[in-house]
Amino acid sequence: MAEDHMKEEDISSLFEAPPMAEQERMVEAILFASAEPLSTRQIEARMPHGSDAAEALVYLRKRYEGRGVALVKVGDAWAFRTAPDLGFLMQRETVETRKLSRAAIETLAIIAYHQPVTRAEIEEIRGVSVSRGTIDLLLELEWIKLGRRRMTPGRPVTFIVTQHFLDHFGLESSRDLPGLKELRATGLLDNRPPPGMALGLEADDDEETEEVRGQDDMFV
């Protein structure tokens, strides 16, 4: 009977979760090894049975507070990133010319602030048609993706911003998008009305280019 009892204890121990300190170390290792942000479910799937990745993330995030690397939430996923106040150390003082037109910037802004939004709604807000090339560029950059179809005649597709977009601009969610003052400070908007209010844009805006300084500028 004693041997049977010991075997039961050995078997049950196989299904016991590791101590929380060990789970925290596991989460840390998983995130450091991952090239992409991971959701809580993805992290937990790699951990021993019974582990609580969500709780481990809470402790891990607190442990990295004030360090040079921070544990940040990107959409519904997690990743290690350079502390925001140390971002200047990673900048390269160069001038690059990127073919990102004013039309593309405004289209991206409309999608970010009005998602989910259809192409027709984007055109209604901008007051001009949106070229296929503009949408294709934003899809290629993986800053937007197709959302659910609207339950309206024709069932048009909608567009939403991606987790890659949030990660690129250091946002936890779309609720953290900057306001008009911040957008003007980055040079994304001038003093004319912002997207959604400007209805007299020229149709050849797609041919414009934006000169962008630094890697951390918005929409680079």
N, C-alpha and C. Protein backbone atom coordinates (compact mmCIF):
# COMPACT_ATOMS: atom_id res chain seq x y z
N MET A 1 0.83 -1.21 0.00
CA MET A 1 0.00 0.00 0.00
C MET A 1 0.87 1.26 0.00
N ALA A 2 1.96 1.19 0.76
CA ALA A 2 2.87 2.34 0.84
C ALA A 2 3.48 2.65 -0.51
N GLU A 3 3.84 1.58 -1.24
CA GLU A 3 4.42 1.78 -2.57
C GLU A 3 3.41 2.40 -3.52
N ASP A 4 2.16 1.93 -3.44
CA ASP A 4 1.11 2.49 -4.30
C ASP A 4 0.90 3.98 -3.99
N HIS A 5 0.96 4.32 -2.69
CA HIS A 5 0.78 5.70 -2.30
C HIS A 5 1.91 6.57 -2.83
N MET A 6 3.14 6.06 -2.79
CA MET A 6 4.28 6.81 -3.31
C MET A 6 4.17 7.00 -4.81
N LYS A 7 3.68 5.98 -5.50
CA LYS A 7 3.52 6.10 -6.95
C LYS A 7 2.49 7.15 -7.29
N GLU A 8 1.40 7.20 -6.50
CA GLU A 8 0.37 8.21 -6.73
C GLU A 8 0.94 9.61 -6.53
N GLU A 9 1.78 9.77 -5.49
CA GLU A 9 2.40 11.08 -5.24
C GLU A 9 3.33 11.47 -6.37
N ASP A 10 4.10 10.49 -6.90
CA ASP A 10 5.02 10.77 -8.00
C ASP A 10 4.25 11.19 -9.23
N ILE A 11 3.13 10.52 -9.50
CA ILE A 11 2.33 10.84 -10.68
C ILE A 11 1.72 12.22 -10.54
N SER A 12 1.16 12.50 -9.35
CA SER A 12 0.52 13.80 -9.15
C SER A 12 1.52 14.94 -9.23
N SER A 13 2.77 14.67 -8.82
CA SER A 13 3.79 15.72 -8.87
C SER A 13 4.12 16.12 -10.30
N LEU A 14 3.88 15.21 -11.23
CA LEU A 14 4.15 15.52 -12.63
C LEU A 14 3.22 16.60 -13.15
N PHE A 15 2.04 16.74 -12.50
CA PHE A 15 1.04 17.69 -12.96
C PHE A 15 0.97 18.94 -12.09
N GLU A 16 1.89 19.05 -11.14
CA GLU A 16 1.96 20.24 -10.32
C GLU A 16 2.71 21.34 -11.05
N ALA A 17 2.18 22.56 -10.97
CA ALA A 17 2.85 23.69 -11.62
C ALA A 17 4.13 24.03 -10.89
N PRO A 18 5.15 24.48 -11.59
CA PRO A 18 6.39 24.91 -10.93
C PRO A 18 6.12 26.10 -10.03
N PRO A 19 7.00 26.39 -9.09
CA PRO A 19 6.85 27.59 -8.25
C PRO A 19 6.74 28.84 -9.13
N MET A 20 6.06 29.87 -8.62
CA MET A 20 5.83 31.07 -9.43
C MET A 20 7.14 31.72 -9.86
N ALA A 21 8.15 31.68 -9.00
CA ALA A 21 9.45 32.26 -9.36
C ALA A 21 10.03 31.55 -10.58
N GLU A 22 9.83 30.24 -10.65
CA GLU A 22 10.33 29.48 -11.79
C GLU A 22 9.50 29.76 -13.03
N GLN A 23 8.19 29.92 -12.86
CA GLN A 23 7.33 30.27 -13.99
C GLN A 23 7.72 31.62 -14.56
N GLU A 24 8.07 32.54 -13.67
CA GLU A 24 8.50 33.87 -14.10
C GLU A 24 9.75 33.77 -14.96
N ARG A 25 10.69 32.93 -14.54
CA ARG A 25 11.93 32.73 -15.32
C ARG A 25 11.61 32.11 -16.68
N MET A 26 10.65 31.19 -16.71
CA MET A 26 10.27 30.55 -17.97
C MET A 26 9.69 31.56 -18.95
N VAL A 27 8.79 32.41 -18.43
CA VAL A 27 8.18 33.44 -19.29
C VAL A 27 9.26 34.37 -19.83
N GLU A 28 10.19 34.75 -18.97
CA GLU A 28 11.30 35.62 -19.37
C GLU A 28 12.10 34.99 -20.50
N ALA A 29 12.42 33.71 -20.36
CA ALA A 29 13.20 33.01 -21.38
C ALA A 29 12.43 32.90 -22.69
N ILE A 30 11.15 32.60 -22.60
CA ILE A 30 10.33 32.45 -23.80
C ILE A 30 10.26 33.76 -24.58
N LEU A 31 10.03 34.87 -23.88
CA LEU A 31 9.90 36.15 -24.55
C LEU A 31 11.22 36.64 -25.13
N PHE A 32 12.32 36.40 -24.44
CA PHE A 32 13.63 36.80 -24.96
C PHE A 32 13.98 36.03 -26.22
N ALA A 33 13.53 34.79 -26.30
CA ALA A 33 13.87 33.94 -27.45
C ALA A 33 12.96 34.18 -28.64
N SER A 34 11.83 34.84 -28.42
CA SER A 34 10.86 35.03 -29.49
C SER A 34 11.16 36.27 -30.31
N ALA A 35 11.06 36.14 -31.62
CA ALA A 35 11.28 37.27 -32.52
C ALA A 35 10.05 38.17 -32.61
N GLU A 36 8.90 37.64 -32.21
CA GLU A 36 7.65 38.38 -32.29
C GLU A 36 6.98 38.41 -30.92
N PRO A 37 6.14 39.43 -30.67
CA PRO A 37 5.37 39.44 -29.42
C PRO A 37 4.49 38.19 -29.31
N LEU A 38 4.30 37.71 -28.10
CA LEU A 38 3.52 36.50 -27.87
C LEU A 38 2.34 36.80 -26.95
N SER A 39 1.21 36.17 -27.22
CA SER A 39 0.05 36.32 -26.36
C SER A 39 0.22 35.46 -25.12
N THR A 40 -0.59 35.73 -24.12
CA THR A 40 -0.54 34.95 -22.88
C THR A 40 -0.80 33.48 -23.17
N ARG A 41 -1.75 33.22 -24.06
CA ARG A 41 -2.07 31.83 -24.42
C ARG A 41 -0.89 31.14 -25.09
N GLN A 42 -0.20 31.85 -25.97
CA GLN A 42 0.96 31.26 -26.65
C GLN A 42 2.09 30.96 -25.65
N ILE A 43 2.28 31.85 -24.70
CA ILE A 43 3.32 31.64 -23.69
C ILE A 43 2.97 30.43 -22.83
N GLU A 44 1.73 30.39 -22.36
CA GLU A 44 1.31 29.32 -21.47
C GLU A 44 1.37 27.96 -22.14
N ALA A 45 1.15 27.94 -23.47
CA ALA A 45 1.19 26.67 -24.20
C ALA A 45 2.58 26.05 -24.18
N ARG A 46 3.61 26.85 -23.95
CA ARG A 46 4.98 26.36 -23.92
C ARG A 46 5.46 26.00 -22.51
N MET A 47 4.62 26.28 -21.53
CA MET A 47 5.00 26.06 -20.14
C MET A 47 4.43 24.75 -19.61
N PRO A 48 4.95 24.26 -18.49
CA PRO A 48 4.45 23.01 -17.91
C PRO A 48 2.98 23.10 -17.54
N HIS A 49 2.35 21.96 -17.46
CA HIS A 49 0.93 21.87 -17.12
C HIS A 49 0.65 22.56 -15.79
N GLY A 50 -0.42 23.35 -15.76
CA GLY A 50 -0.82 24.02 -14.53
C GLY A 50 -0.20 25.39 -14.33
N SER A 51 0.66 25.81 -15.23
CA SER A 51 1.32 27.12 -15.09
C SER A 51 0.32 28.24 -15.33
N ASP A 52 0.59 29.38 -14.74
CA ASP A 52 -0.26 30.56 -14.89
C ASP A 52 0.58 31.69 -15.50
N ALA A 53 0.60 31.74 -16.81
CA ALA A 53 1.44 32.73 -17.50
C ALA A 53 1.00 34.15 -17.19
N ALA A 54 -0.31 34.37 -17.04
CA ALA A 54 -0.81 35.72 -16.77
C ALA A 54 -0.27 36.25 -15.46
N GLU A 55 -0.27 35.43 -14.43
CA GLU A 55 0.25 35.87 -13.13
C GLU A 55 1.76 36.07 -13.20
N ALA A 56 2.45 35.17 -13.90
CA ALA A 56 3.90 35.30 -14.03
C ALA A 56 4.26 36.60 -14.76
N LEU A 57 3.46 36.98 -15.73
CA LEU A 57 3.71 38.21 -16.47
C LEU A 57 3.58 39.44 -15.58
N VAL A 58 2.63 39.40 -14.66
CA VAL A 58 2.44 40.52 -13.72
C VAL A 58 3.71 40.72 -12.89
N TYR A 59 4.23 39.63 -12.33
CA TYR A 59 5.45 39.71 -11.52
C TYR A 59 6.66 40.11 -12.36
N LEU A 60 6.74 39.56 -13.58
CA LEU A 60 7.88 39.86 -14.44
C LEU A 60 7.88 41.32 -14.87
N ARG A 61 6.72 41.83 -15.20
CA ARG A 61 6.62 43.24 -15.61
C ARG A 61 7.05 44.17 -14.48
N LYS A 62 6.63 43.84 -13.27
CA LYS A 62 7.01 44.66 -12.11
C LYS A 62 8.51 44.59 -11.88
N ARG A 63 9.10 43.41 -12.07
CA ARG A 63 10.54 43.24 -11.83
C ARG A 63 11.36 44.07 -12.81
N TYR A 64 10.85 44.32 -14.01
CA TYR A 64 11.59 45.08 -15.02
C TYR A 64 11.31 46.58 -14.97
N GLU A 65 10.48 47.02 -14.04
CA GLU A 65 10.21 48.45 -13.93
C GLU A 65 11.49 49.20 -13.59
N GLY A 66 11.77 50.28 -14.32
CA GLY A 66 12.94 51.09 -14.07
C GLY A 66 14.22 50.54 -14.67
N ARG A 67 14.14 49.42 -15.37
CA ARG A 67 15.33 48.85 -15.99
C ARG A 67 15.50 49.39 -17.41
N GLY A 68 16.61 49.02 -18.04
CA GLY A 68 16.87 49.48 -19.40
C GLY A 68 15.99 48.79 -20.42
N VAL A 69 15.46 47.63 -20.05
CA VAL A 69 14.53 46.88 -20.89
C VAL A 69 13.22 46.77 -20.14
N ALA A 70 12.12 46.98 -20.83
CA ALA A 70 10.80 46.92 -20.21
C ALA A 70 9.95 45.82 -20.86
N LEU A 71 9.09 45.22 -20.05
CA LEU A 71 8.13 44.26 -20.57
C LEU A 71 6.87 45.04 -20.91
N VAL A 72 6.50 45.06 -22.18
CA VAL A 72 5.38 45.88 -22.62
C VAL A 72 4.31 45.02 -23.27
N LYS A 73 3.09 45.52 -23.22
CA LYS A 73 1.97 44.84 -23.86
C LYS A 73 1.74 45.47 -25.22
N VAL A 74 1.66 44.65 -26.23
CA VAL A 74 1.45 45.10 -27.61
C VAL A 74 0.16 44.46 -28.11
N GLY A 75 -0.92 45.22 -28.10
CA GLY A 75 -2.20 44.62 -28.44
C GLY A 75 -2.56 43.59 -27.38
N ASP A 76 -2.71 42.34 -27.78
CA ASP A 76 -3.00 41.27 -26.82
C ASP A 76 -1.76 40.40 -26.60
N ALA A 77 -0.60 40.91 -26.95
CA ALA A 77 0.64 40.14 -26.83
C ALA A 77 1.66 40.88 -25.96
N TRP A 78 2.77 40.19 -25.66
CA TRP A 78 3.80 40.74 -24.78
C TRP A 78 5.17 40.65 -25.44
N ALA A 79 6.04 41.60 -25.11
CA ALA A 79 7.39 41.59 -25.68
C ALA A 79 8.30 42.46 -24.82
N PHE A 80 9.61 42.20 -24.91
CA PHE A 80 10.59 43.06 -24.26
C PHE A 80 11.01 44.15 -25.24
N ARG A 81 11.07 45.36 -24.74
CA ARG A 81 11.46 46.50 -25.57
C ARG A 81 12.38 47.43 -24.77
N THR A 82 13.18 48.20 -25.49
CA THR A 82 14.02 49.20 -24.85
C THR A 82 13.15 50.19 -24.08
N ALA A 83 13.57 50.56 -22.89
CA ALA A 83 12.82 51.54 -22.11
C ALA A 83 12.62 52.81 -22.93
N PRO A 84 11.41 53.37 -22.92
CA PRO A 84 11.12 54.54 -23.76
C PRO A 84 12.09 55.70 -23.59
N ASP A 85 12.54 55.95 -22.35
CA ASP A 85 13.42 57.09 -22.12
C ASP A 85 14.84 56.85 -22.62
N LEU A 86 15.14 55.61 -23.05
CA LEU A 86 16.47 55.30 -23.57
C LEU A 86 16.46 55.09 -25.09
N GLY A 87 15.33 55.36 -25.69
CA GLY A 87 15.20 55.14 -27.13
C GLY A 87 16.18 55.96 -27.95
N PHE A 88 16.59 57.12 -27.41
CA PHE A 88 17.52 57.99 -28.15
C PHE A 88 18.86 57.30 -28.39
N LEU A 89 19.19 56.32 -27.57
CA LEU A 89 20.46 55.61 -27.74
C LEU A 89 20.47 54.74 -28.99
N MET A 90 19.27 54.39 -29.47
CA MET A 90 19.15 53.50 -30.61
C MET A 90 18.98 54.26 -31.93
N GLN A 91 18.85 55.58 -31.85
CA GLN A 91 18.61 56.36 -33.05
C GLN A 91 19.88 56.53 -33.87
N ARG A 92 19.69 56.59 -35.15
CA ARG A 92 20.78 56.91 -36.07
C ARG A 92 20.43 58.24 -36.74
N GLU A 93 21.27 59.21 -36.55
CA GLU A 93 20.98 60.54 -37.09
C GLU A 93 21.21 60.57 -38.59
N THR A 94 20.26 60.08 -39.32
CA THR A 94 20.33 60.06 -40.78
C THR A 94 19.06 60.66 -41.35
N VAL A 95 19.14 61.03 -42.60
CA VAL A 95 17.98 61.56 -43.30
C VAL A 95 17.61 60.57 -44.39
N GLU A 96 16.39 60.12 -44.35
CA GLU A 96 15.92 59.17 -45.34
C GLU A 96 14.69 59.73 -46.04
N THR A 97 14.59 59.42 -47.31
CA THR A 97 13.41 59.79 -48.07
C THR A 97 12.60 58.53 -48.33
N ARG A 98 11.39 58.52 -47.81
CA ARG A 98 10.53 57.35 -47.99
C ARG A 98 9.33 57.74 -48.84
N LYS A 99 8.92 56.85 -49.71
CA LYS A 99 7.76 57.11 -50.56
C LYS A 99 6.47 56.83 -49.78
N LEU A 100 6.24 57.67 -48.77
CA LEU A 100 5.01 57.58 -48.00
C LEU A 100 4.27 58.88 -48.20
N SER A 101 3.28 58.86 -49.04
CA SER A 101 2.59 60.09 -49.43
C SER A 101 1.71 60.62 -48.32
N ARG A 102 1.31 61.85 -48.48
CA ARG A 102 0.36 62.44 -47.54
C ARG A 102 -0.94 61.65 -47.57
N ALA A 103 -1.31 61.18 -48.75
CA ALA A 103 -2.53 60.38 -48.87
C ALA A 103 -2.42 59.10 -48.06
N ALA A 104 -1.24 58.46 -48.10
CA ALA A 104 -1.04 57.22 -47.35
C ALA A 104 -1.08 57.49 -45.85
N ILE A 105 -0.46 58.59 -45.41
CA ILE A 105 -0.46 58.94 -44.00
C ILE A 105 -1.88 59.22 -43.52
N GLU A 106 -2.62 59.98 -44.31
CA GLU A 106 -3.99 60.30 -43.91
C GLU A 106 -4.87 59.06 -43.92
N THR A 107 -4.68 58.20 -44.90
CA THR A 107 -5.46 56.97 -44.96
C THR A 107 -5.18 56.10 -43.74
N LEU A 108 -3.91 55.98 -43.37
CA LEU A 108 -3.54 55.21 -42.19
C LEU A 108 -4.13 55.82 -40.93
N ALA A 109 -4.09 57.14 -40.83
CA ALA A 109 -4.64 57.82 -39.66
C ALA A 109 -6.14 57.58 -39.54
N ILE A 110 -6.83 57.64 -40.66
CA ILE A 110 -8.28 57.42 -40.66
C ILE A 110 -8.60 56.01 -40.20
N ILE A 111 -7.85 55.03 -40.72
CA ILE A 111 -8.08 53.64 -40.32
C ILE A 111 -7.82 53.47 -38.84
N ALA A 112 -6.72 54.07 -38.35
CA ALA A 112 -6.35 53.92 -36.93
C ALA A 112 -7.40 54.53 -36.01
N TYR A 113 -7.94 55.69 -36.38
CA TYR A 113 -8.86 56.39 -35.50
C TYR A 113 -10.32 56.00 -35.71
N HIS A 114 -10.64 55.39 -36.84
CA HIS A 114 -12.04 55.07 -37.14
C HIS A 114 -12.30 53.58 -37.33
N GLN A 115 -11.30 52.73 -37.10
CA GLN A 115 -11.45 51.31 -37.36
C GLN A 115 -12.62 50.70 -36.56
N PRO A 116 -13.26 49.67 -37.15
CA PRO A 116 -13.08 49.17 -38.52
C PRO A 116 -13.78 50.11 -39.51
N VAL A 117 -13.11 50.36 -40.64
CA VAL A 117 -13.63 51.32 -41.59
C VAL A 117 -13.49 50.77 -43.01
N THR A 118 -14.49 51.02 -43.84
CA THR A 118 -14.47 50.54 -45.21
C THR A 118 -13.76 51.55 -46.11
N ARG A 119 -13.43 51.11 -47.30
CA ARG A 119 -12.76 52.02 -48.25
C ARG A 119 -13.67 53.19 -48.59
N ALA A 120 -14.97 52.92 -48.74
CA ALA A 120 -15.92 54.00 -49.06
C ALA A 120 -15.96 55.02 -47.93
N GLU A 121 -15.87 54.56 -46.69
CA GLU A 121 -15.88 55.48 -45.56
C GLU A 121 -14.60 56.30 -45.51
N ILE A 122 -13.48 55.68 -45.88
CA ILE A 122 -12.21 56.42 -45.93
C ILE A 122 -12.31 57.53 -46.96
N GLU A 123 -12.86 57.19 -48.11
CA GLU A 123 -13.00 58.18 -49.18
C GLU A 123 -13.96 59.30 -48.79
N GLU A 124 -15.01 58.94 -48.05
CA GLU A 124 -15.96 59.96 -47.60
C GLU A 124 -15.31 60.93 -46.63
N ILE A 125 -14.46 60.40 -45.74
CA ILE A 125 -13.78 61.26 -44.76
C ILE A 125 -12.75 62.15 -45.44
N ARG A 126 -11.97 61.57 -46.37
CA ARG A 126 -10.92 62.36 -47.04
C ARG A 126 -11.50 63.29 -48.10
N GLY A 127 -12.62 62.91 -48.67
CA GLY A 127 -13.22 63.74 -49.70
C GLY A 127 -12.71 63.45 -51.10
N VAL A 128 -11.80 62.49 -51.23
CA VAL A 128 -11.27 62.08 -52.53
C VAL A 128 -11.15 60.57 -52.54
N SER A 129 -11.02 60.01 -53.73
CA SER A 129 -10.89 58.56 -53.84
C SER A 129 -9.54 58.09 -53.30
N VAL A 130 -9.50 56.87 -52.81
CA VAL A 130 -8.27 56.28 -52.30
C VAL A 130 -7.74 55.31 -53.35
N SER A 131 -6.53 55.55 -53.81
CA SER A 131 -5.97 54.69 -54.84
C SER A 131 -5.67 53.31 -54.29
N ARG A 132 -5.71 52.33 -55.15
CA ARG A 132 -5.41 50.96 -54.75
C ARG A 132 -3.97 50.84 -54.26
N GLY A 133 -3.09 51.63 -54.86
CA GLY A 133 -1.68 51.59 -54.46
C GLY A 133 -1.47 52.02 -53.02
N THR A 134 -2.27 52.98 -52.54
CA THR A 134 -2.15 53.44 -51.16
C THR A 134 -2.49 52.32 -50.19
N ILE A 135 -3.61 51.66 -50.44
CA ILE A 135 -4.04 50.55 -49.59
C ILE A 135 -3.03 49.40 -49.67
N ASP A 136 -2.56 49.10 -50.88
CA ASP A 136 -1.59 48.01 -51.05
C ASP A 136 -0.31 48.29 -50.29
N LEU A 137 0.15 49.55 -50.29
CA LEU A 137 1.37 49.92 -49.58
C LEU A 137 1.22 49.68 -48.08
N LEU A 138 0.09 50.10 -47.52
CA LEU A 138 -0.14 49.93 -46.08
C LEU A 138 -0.29 48.46 -45.72
N LEU A 139 -0.87 47.68 -46.62
CA LEU A 139 -0.98 46.24 -46.39
C LEU A 139 0.40 45.59 -46.45
N GLU A 140 1.22 46.05 -47.40
CA GLU A 140 2.57 45.51 -47.55
C GLU A 140 3.43 45.81 -46.33
N LEU A 141 3.25 47.00 -45.75
CA LEU A 141 3.99 47.38 -44.54
C LEU A 141 3.48 46.63 -43.32
N GLU A 142 2.35 45.93 -43.48
CA GLU A 142 1.71 45.19 -42.39
C GLU A 142 1.26 46.11 -41.28
N TRP A 143 0.87 47.33 -41.65
CA TRP A 143 0.34 48.27 -40.67
C TRP A 143 -1.18 48.21 -40.63
N ILE A 144 -1.80 47.69 -41.68
CA ILE A 144 -3.24 47.48 -41.68
C ILE A 144 -3.53 46.07 -42.18
N LYS A 145 -4.72 45.59 -41.91
CA LYS A 145 -5.15 44.29 -42.42
C LYS A 145 -6.65 44.33 -42.63
N LEU A 146 -7.16 43.31 -43.29
CA LEU A 146 -8.59 43.23 -43.54
C LEU A 146 -9.31 42.84 -42.26
N GLY A 147 -10.41 43.55 -41.98
CA GLY A 147 -11.25 43.22 -40.84
C GLY A 147 -12.47 42.44 -41.30
N ARG A 148 -13.48 42.42 -40.50
CA ARG A 148 -14.71 41.71 -40.85
C ARG A 148 -15.49 42.46 -41.92
N ARG A 149 -16.22 41.72 -42.70
CA ARG A 149 -17.07 42.34 -43.70
C ARG A 149 -18.29 42.96 -43.02
N ARG A 150 -18.73 44.08 -43.54
CA ARG A 150 -19.92 44.73 -43.03
C ARG A 150 -21.16 43.98 -43.51
N MET A 151 -22.13 43.86 -42.65
CA MET A 151 -23.38 43.20 -43.02
C MET A 151 -24.31 44.21 -43.69
N THR A 152 -23.83 44.76 -44.79
CA THR A 152 -24.57 45.72 -45.60
C THR A 152 -24.52 45.25 -47.05
N PRO A 153 -25.34 45.82 -47.92
CA PRO A 153 -25.31 45.39 -49.33
C PRO A 153 -23.89 45.41 -49.90
N GLY A 154 -23.54 44.32 -50.55
CA GLY A 154 -22.20 44.19 -51.11
C GLY A 154 -21.20 43.64 -50.12
N ARG A 155 -21.55 43.61 -48.82
CA ARG A 155 -20.67 43.13 -47.76
C ARG A 155 -19.23 43.62 -47.94
N PRO A 156 -19.03 44.95 -47.90
CA PRO A 156 -17.66 45.48 -48.09
C PRO A 156 -16.74 45.09 -46.95
N VAL A 157 -15.45 44.90 -47.27
CA VAL A 157 -14.47 44.58 -46.23
C VAL A 157 -14.13 45.84 -45.46
N THR A 158 -13.70 45.66 -44.25
CA THR A 158 -13.24 46.79 -43.44
C THR A 158 -11.74 46.66 -43.24
N PHE A 159 -11.12 47.75 -42.82
CA PHE A 159 -9.69 47.77 -42.54
C PHE A 159 -9.46 48.14 -41.09
N ILE A 160 -8.47 47.50 -40.47
CA ILE A 160 -8.09 47.79 -39.10
C ILE A 160 -6.56 47.81 -39.03
N VAL A 161 -6.02 48.44 -37.99
CA VAL A 161 -4.56 48.44 -37.83
C VAL A 161 -4.14 47.11 -37.22
N THR A 162 -2.88 46.77 -37.41
CA THR A 162 -2.36 45.48 -36.98
C THR A 162 -1.57 45.59 -35.67
N GLN A 163 -1.26 44.45 -35.12
CA GLN A 163 -0.39 44.41 -33.95
C GLN A 163 0.99 44.92 -34.31
N HIS A 164 1.41 44.68 -35.56
CA HIS A 164 2.70 45.18 -36.03
C HIS A 164 2.72 46.70 -36.00
N PHE A 165 1.62 47.32 -36.36
CA PHE A 165 1.49 48.78 -36.31
C PHE A 165 1.66 49.26 -34.87
N LEU A 166 0.96 48.62 -33.94
CA LEU A 166 1.05 49.01 -32.54
C LEU A 166 2.48 48.84 -32.02
N ASP A 167 3.10 47.73 -32.39
CA ASP A 167 4.45 47.44 -31.93
C ASP A 167 5.43 48.46 -32.50
N HIS A 168 5.28 48.79 -33.77
CA HIS A 168 6.20 49.72 -34.44
C HIS A 168 6.18 51.09 -33.77
N PHE A 169 4.99 51.52 -33.33
CA PHE A 169 4.87 52.85 -32.76
C PHE A 169 4.79 52.83 -31.24
N GLY A 170 5.08 51.67 -30.63
CA GLY A 170 5.14 51.59 -29.17
C GLY A 170 3.82 51.81 -28.48
N LEU A 171 2.73 51.31 -29.07
CA LEU A 171 1.40 51.48 -28.49
C LEU A 171 0.90 50.16 -27.92
N GLU A 172 0.24 50.24 -26.76
CA GLU A 172 -0.33 49.02 -26.19
C GLU A 172 -1.62 48.68 -26.89
N SER A 173 -2.41 49.69 -27.26
CA SER A 173 -3.65 49.48 -27.98
C SER A 173 -3.95 50.73 -28.79
N SER A 174 -4.96 50.66 -29.63
CA SER A 174 -5.32 51.81 -30.46
C SER A 174 -5.84 52.96 -29.61
N ARG A 175 -6.21 52.67 -28.36
CA ARG A 175 -6.67 53.74 -27.46
C ARG A 175 -5.52 54.67 -27.07
N ASP A 176 -4.29 54.21 -27.29
CA ASP A 176 -3.13 55.01 -26.93
C ASP A 176 -2.63 55.88 -28.07
N LEU A 177 -3.39 55.98 -29.14
CA LEU A 177 -2.99 56.81 -30.27
C LEU A 177 -2.84 58.26 -29.84
N PRO A 178 -1.88 58.97 -30.41
CA PRO A 178 -1.64 60.37 -30.01
C PRO A 178 -2.78 61.28 -30.46
N GLY A 179 -2.90 62.42 -29.78
CA GLY A 179 -3.89 63.41 -30.16
C GLY A 179 -3.37 64.33 -31.25
N LEU A 180 -4.15 65.33 -31.59
CA LEU A 180 -3.79 66.23 -32.69
C LEU A 180 -2.50 66.99 -32.39
N LYS A 181 -2.32 67.40 -31.12
CA LYS A 181 -1.12 68.16 -30.77
C LYS A 181 0.13 67.31 -30.99
N GLU A 182 0.05 66.04 -30.58
CA GLU A 182 1.20 65.16 -30.74
C GLU A 182 1.48 64.89 -32.21
N LEU A 183 0.42 64.73 -33.01
CA LEU A 183 0.60 64.47 -34.44
C LEU A 183 1.25 65.67 -35.13
N ARG A 184 0.83 66.88 -34.75
CA ARG A 184 1.44 68.06 -35.36
C ARG A 184 2.89 68.20 -34.90
N ALA A 185 3.18 67.81 -33.67
CA ALA A 185 4.54 67.91 -33.16
C ALA A 185 5.50 67.00 -33.91
N THR A 186 4.98 65.86 -34.40
CA THR A 186 5.83 64.94 -35.15
C THR A 186 5.92 65.33 -36.62
N GLY A 187 5.14 66.33 -37.03
CA GLY A 187 5.16 66.76 -38.42
C GLY A 187 4.19 66.00 -39.31
N LEU A 188 3.38 65.12 -38.70
CA LEU A 188 2.43 64.36 -39.50
C LEU A 188 1.29 65.24 -40.01
N LEU A 189 0.92 66.23 -39.22
CA LEU A 189 -0.14 67.13 -39.62
C LEU A 189 0.38 68.55 -39.59
N ASP A 190 -0.05 69.34 -40.58
CA ASP A 190 0.29 70.76 -40.52
C ASP A 190 -0.88 71.48 -39.88
N ASN A 191 -1.00 72.76 -40.11
CA ASN A 191 -2.05 73.53 -39.44
C ASN A 191 -3.40 73.48 -40.15
N ARG A 192 -3.44 72.76 -41.26
CA ARG A 192 -4.74 72.63 -41.92
C ARG A 192 -5.58 71.59 -41.20
N PRO A 193 -6.89 71.50 -41.47
CA PRO A 193 -7.73 70.55 -40.77
C PRO A 193 -7.21 69.13 -40.94
N PRO A 194 -7.35 68.30 -39.89
CA PRO A 194 -6.85 66.92 -39.92
C PRO A 194 -7.73 66.05 -40.81
N PRO A 195 -7.29 64.80 -41.11
CA PRO A 195 -8.09 63.88 -41.90
C PRO A 195 -9.47 63.74 -41.29
N GLY A 196 -10.48 63.81 -42.13
CA GLY A 196 -11.84 63.74 -41.64
C GLY A 196 -12.51 65.09 -41.71
N MET A 197 -11.70 66.17 -41.78
CA MET A 197 -12.24 67.52 -41.87
C MET A 197 -11.78 68.19 -43.16
N ALA A 198 -10.66 67.71 -43.72
CA ALA A 198 -10.15 68.30 -44.95
C ALA A 198 -10.80 67.61 -46.14
N LEU A 199 -11.56 68.36 -46.91
CA LEU A 199 -12.31 67.77 -48.01
C LEU A 199 -11.85 68.28 -49.36
N GLY A 200 -10.78 69.08 -49.41
CA GLY A 200 -10.36 69.64 -50.69
C GLY A 200 -8.99 69.21 -51.12
N LEU A 201 -8.58 67.99 -50.78
CA LEU A 201 -7.25 67.52 -51.15
C LEU A 201 -7.16 67.24 -52.64
N GLU A 202 -5.96 67.41 -53.17
CA GLU A 202 -5.74 67.15 -54.57
C GLU A 202 -5.65 65.64 -54.83
N ALA A 203 -6.11 65.22 -55.99
CA ALA A 203 -6.15 63.79 -56.30
C ALA A 203 -4.77 63.20 -56.53
N ASP A 204 -3.75 64.07 -56.79
CA ASP A 204 -2.42 63.54 -57.06
C ASP A 204 -1.56 63.49 -55.81
N ASP A 205 -2.18 63.53 -54.63
CA ASP A 205 -1.42 63.46 -53.39
C ASP A 205 -0.58 62.20 -53.29
N ASP A 206 -1.02 61.13 -53.99
CA ASP A 206 -0.31 59.86 -53.90
C ASP A 206 1.09 59.94 -54.50
N GLU A 207 1.38 60.97 -55.25
CA GLU A 207 2.68 61.09 -55.89
C GLU A 207 3.68 61.82 -54.99
N GLU A 208 3.17 62.35 -53.83
CA GLU A 208 4.07 63.10 -52.97
C GLU A 208 4.96 62.15 -52.18
N THR A 209 6.07 62.68 -51.68
CA THR A 209 6.93 61.90 -50.78
C THR A 209 7.14 62.71 -49.52
N GLU A 210 7.37 62.00 -48.44
CA GLU A 210 7.61 62.65 -47.16
C GLU A 210 9.06 62.40 -46.75
N GLU A 211 9.79 63.46 -46.39
CA GLU A 211 11.16 63.31 -45.90
C GLU A 211 11.09 63.12 -44.39
N VAL A 212 11.64 62.01 -43.92
CA VAL A 212 11.49 61.64 -42.53
C VAL A 212 12.85 61.58 -41.86
N ARG A 213 12.97 62.15 -40.66
CA ARG A 213 14.24 62.15 -39.94
C ARG A 213 14.15 61.20 -38.76
N GLY A 214 15.19 60.34 -38.64
CA GLY A 214 15.26 59.45 -37.50
C GLY A 214 14.41 58.22 -37.66
N GLN A 215 14.74 57.17 -36.97
CA GLN A 215 14.01 55.93 -37.10
C GLN A 215 12.78 55.90 -36.24
N ASP A 216 12.70 56.72 -35.19
CA ASP A 216 11.60 56.63 -34.27
C ASP A 216 10.49 57.62 -34.59
N ASP A 217 10.61 58.38 -35.70
CA ASP A 217 9.53 59.27 -36.08
C ASP A 217 8.32 58.45 -36.44
N MET A 218 7.13 58.99 -36.19
CA MET A 218 5.90 58.27 -36.53
C MET A 218 5.80 58.06 -38.03
N PHE A 219 5.28 56.91 -38.40
CA PHE A 219 5.01 56.54 -39.78
C PHE A 219 6.25 56.53 -40.65
N VAL A 220 7.43 56.19 -40.09
CA VAL A 220 8.65 56.07 -40.89
C VAL A 220 8.67 54.69 -41.52
